[in-house]
Amino acid sequence: MITLLAKLLKVLNAEAAPGQISAAFCLALFLAFMPFFTLQHVLLIFLVLVLRVNLTGFILGWLVFAAVAFLLDPLFHWLGMAVLSADALEGFWRLLYDSGFWHLTRFNNTVVMGGFIAALVLFLPLYFASNALIRRYREHFMTWLEKTRLAQMVKGSRIYSAYRTVSGWRNPV
């Protein structure tokens, strides 16, 4: 837990652009909200490797969103069931089901469909919210935080030692 917190602080304090970190969180949301081993996961991992996103942010986001997704699975099932059983889309689902390619996406699984729709809906709000929070954190909170008495105490604790170890920062001599 201490190492995870240290890695989160390292990502927030990194020189990576806030958009790169936010994009990593958003792609992690897609990966975490759908059960594993689908075609979408292969495409997501390819995108993460090709695009300039923060890999540590992606892994941390995936860990956090996977825990959230575990709790939201009943909601994903309900959402996926509602979409897959909609009368207006029956012909479209039948067309996809008759094609072998779309079976790789496991679109007919209610949790996969519900998780995909939830991630699709939350993608842009998460991107803009995390981008704004990272900018606000860097501009205001980080500077103020370093001057507080609490930060001075933390710098003397094991958490800060773990953070320094992970980040590779050294005190100037």
Protein backbone atom coordinates (compact mmCIF):
# COMPACT_ATOMS: atom_id res chain seq x y z
CA MET A 1 0.00 0.00 0.00
CA ILE A 2 2.83 2.39 0.85
CA THR A 3 4.56 1.53 -2.40
CA LEU A 4 1.32 2.07 -4.35
CA LEU A 5 0.86 5.50 -2.74
CA ALA A 6 4.48 6.34 -3.50
CA LYS A 7 4.00 5.33 -7.13
CA LEU A 8 0.86 7.49 -7.39
CA LEU A 9 2.78 10.49 -6.05
CA LYS A 10 5.59 9.74 -8.47
CA VAL A 11 3.14 9.76 -11.39
CA LEU A 12 1.54 13.02 -10.24
CA ASN A 13 4.91 14.70 -9.75
CA ALA A 14 6.44 13.32 -12.94
CA GLU A 15 7.36 15.55 -15.83
CA ALA A 16 4.78 13.77 -18.00
CA ALA A 17 2.07 16.01 -19.39
CA PRO A 18 -1.23 15.85 -17.50
CA GLY A 19 -2.92 14.71 -20.72
CA GLN A 20 -0.65 11.67 -20.90
CA ILE A 21 -1.50 10.68 -17.34
CA SER A 22 -5.22 11.32 -17.88
CA ALA A 23 -5.21 9.26 -21.08
CA ALA A 24 -3.50 6.44 -19.19
CA PHE A 25 -6.24 6.52 -16.54
CA CYS A 26 -8.96 6.48 -19.23
CA LEU A 27 -7.45 3.54 -21.12
CA ALA A 28 -7.03 1.73 -17.80
CA LEU A 29 -10.73 2.30 -17.17
CA PHE A 30 -11.60 0.43 -20.39
CA LEU A 31 -9.23 -2.41 -19.57
CA ALA A 32 -10.54 -2.80 -16.03
CA PHE A 33 -14.25 -2.50 -16.70
CA MET A 34 -14.40 -5.44 -19.13
CA PRO A 35 -13.63 -9.04 -18.19
CA PHE A 36 -10.27 -10.13 -19.57
CA PHE A 37 -9.36 -11.93 -22.82
CA THR A 38 -11.33 -10.06 -25.44
CA LEU A 39 -10.27 -8.44 -28.70
CA GLN A 40 -10.77 -5.05 -27.05
CA HIS A 41 -8.03 -5.83 -24.52
CA VAL A 42 -5.54 -6.60 -27.28
CA LEU A 43 -6.41 -3.30 -28.99
CA LEU A 44 -6.17 -1.37 -25.70
CA ILE A 45 -2.75 -2.78 -24.87
CA PHE A 46 -1.62 -1.97 -28.41
CA LEU A 47 -2.86 1.62 -28.00
CA VAL A 48 -1.09 1.98 -24.66
CA LEU A 49 2.15 0.82 -26.23
CA VAL A 50 1.82 3.00 -29.33
CA LEU A 51 0.46 6.20 -27.80
CA ARG A 52 2.47 8.37 -25.44
CA VAL A 53 0.64 7.56 -22.23
CA ASN A 54 2.18 7.19 -18.80
CA LEU A 55 2.63 3.45 -18.24
CA THR A 56 2.80 3.73 -14.46
CA GLY A 57 -0.43 5.72 -14.48
CA PHE A 58 -1.98 3.06 -16.70
CA ILE A 59 -1.02 0.24 -14.35
CA LEU A 60 -2.11 2.14 -11.24
CA GLY A 61 -5.38 3.11 -12.90
CA TRP A 62 -5.99 -0.47 -13.95
CA LEU A 63 -5.46 -1.71 -10.37
CA VAL A 64 -7.82 0.87 -8.90
CA PHE A 65 -10.51 0.55 -11.58
CA ALA A 66 -10.38 -3.26 -11.46
CA ALA A 67 -11.29 -3.09 -7.77
CA VAL A 68 -14.13 -0.69 -8.59
CA ALA A 69 -15.27 -2.90 -11.47
CA PHE A 70 -15.47 -5.89 -9.15
CA LEU A 71 -18.01 -3.98 -7.08
CA LEU A 72 -19.90 -2.72 -10.13
CA ASP A 73 -20.26 -6.08 -11.92
CA PRO A 74 -23.99 -6.40 -11.04
CA LEU A 75 -24.56 -2.94 -12.51
CA PHE A 76 -22.60 -3.89 -15.66
CA HIS A 77 -24.65 -7.08 -15.98
CA TRP A 78 -27.89 -5.11 -15.68
CA LEU A 79 -26.74 -2.49 -18.21
CA GLY A 80 -25.47 -5.11 -20.66
CA MET A 81 -28.67 -7.11 -20.35
CA ALA A 82 -30.75 -4.01 -21.06
CA VAL A 83 -28.73 -3.18 -24.18
CA LEU A 84 -28.50 -6.74 -25.50
CA SER A 85 -32.22 -7.43 -25.00
CA ALA A 86 -33.44 -4.15 -26.52
CA ASP A 87 -35.94 -4.95 -29.27
CA ALA A 88 -34.69 -2.12 -31.49
CA LEU A 89 -31.16 -3.61 -31.58
CA GLU A 90 -32.12 -7.27 -32.06
CA GLY A 91 -31.31 -7.30 -35.77
CA PHE A 92 -27.95 -5.64 -35.19
CA TRP A 93 -26.95 -8.15 -32.48
CA ARG A 94 -28.09 -11.03 -34.70
CA LEU A 95 -25.94 -9.71 -37.56
CA LEU A 96 -22.90 -9.48 -35.28
CA TYR A 97 -23.57 -12.91 -33.80
CA ASP A 98 -23.73 -14.52 -37.26
CA SER A 99 -20.25 -13.16 -38.06
CA GLY A 100 -17.43 -15.11 -36.46
CA PHE A 101 -15.16 -12.09 -36.08
CA TRP A 102 -17.38 -10.35 -33.51
CA HIS A 103 -17.29 -13.41 -31.26
CA LEU A 104 -13.73 -12.37 -30.39
CA THR A 105 -15.13 -9.26 -28.72
CA ARG A 106 -17.51 -11.33 -26.55
CA PHE A 107 -20.10 -8.61 -27.15
CA ASN A 108 -22.89 -11.02 -26.23
CA ASN A 109 -21.61 -11.27 -22.64
CA THR A 110 -23.72 -8.94 -20.51
CA VAL A 111 -20.82 -7.90 -18.23
CA VAL A 112 -18.55 -7.17 -21.20
CA MET A 113 -21.25 -5.08 -22.90
CA GLY A 114 -22.19 -3.25 -19.70
CA GLY A 115 -18.56 -2.57 -18.77
CA PHE A 116 -17.81 -1.35 -22.28
CA ILE A 117 -20.76 1.04 -22.28
CA ALA A 118 -19.92 2.32 -18.79
CA ALA A 119 -16.29 2.92 -19.80
CA LEU A 120 -17.41 4.60 -23.01
CA VAL A 121 -19.71 6.95 -21.10
CA LEU A 122 -17.10 7.73 -18.42
CA PHE A 123 -14.12 8.16 -20.80
CA LEU A 124 -14.37 11.91 -21.53
CA PRO A 125 -15.56 13.00 -18.07
CA LEU A 126 -12.71 11.04 -16.49
CA TYR A 127 -10.20 12.50 -18.94
CA PHE A 128 -11.17 16.11 -18.31
CA ALA A 129 -11.66 15.68 -14.55
CA SER A 130 -8.34 13.92 -13.99
CA ASN A 131 -6.57 16.40 -16.28
CA ALA A 132 -7.97 19.34 -14.30
CA LEU A 133 -7.17 17.69 -10.97
CA ILE A 134 -3.59 16.93 -11.97
CA ARG A 135 -3.07 20.54 -13.15
CA ARG A 136 -4.63 21.93 -9.98
CA TYR A 137 -2.55 19.58 -7.84
CA ARG A 138 0.67 20.63 -9.54
CA GLU A 139 -0.07 24.37 -9.53
CA HIS A 140 -1.44 24.85 -6.06
CA PHE A 141 -1.44 21.86 -3.81
CA MET A 142 2.04 20.45 -4.37
CA THR A 143 3.81 23.69 -3.47
CA TRP A 144 1.63 24.34 -0.45
CA LEU A 145 1.91 20.73 0.69
CA GLU A 146 5.69 20.72 0.67
CA LYS A 147 5.74 23.61 3.15
CA THR A 148 3.33 22.17 5.72
CA ARG A 149 4.38 20.62 9.00
CA LEU A 150 2.69 17.39 7.97
CA ALA A 151 4.86 17.19 4.87
CA GLN A 152 7.93 17.72 7.00
CA MET A 153 6.81 14.79 9.17
CA VAL A 154 6.10 12.64 6.13
CA LYS A 155 9.53 13.38 4.73
CA GLY A 156 10.96 11.80 7.83
CA SER A 157 8.76 8.69 7.57
CA ARG A 158 8.97 5.35 5.79
CA ILE A 159 6.42 6.52 3.19
CA TYR A 160 8.74 9.21 1.97
CA SER A 161 11.67 6.81 2.04
CA ALA A 162 9.71 4.41 -0.17
CA TYR A 163 8.78 7.31 -2.45
CA ARG A 164 12.39 8.38 -2.75
CA THR A 165 13.41 4.81 -3.46
CA VAL A 166 10.80 4.41 -6.20
CA SER A 167 11.37 7.80 -7.76
CA GLY A 168 15.13 7.66 -7.57
CA TRP A 169 15.32 11.13 -6.04
CA ARG A 170 18.26 11.91 -3.83
CA ASN A 171 18.78 14.76 -1.41
CA PRO A 172 21.36 17.30 -2.60
CA VAL A 173 24.49 17.07 -0.53
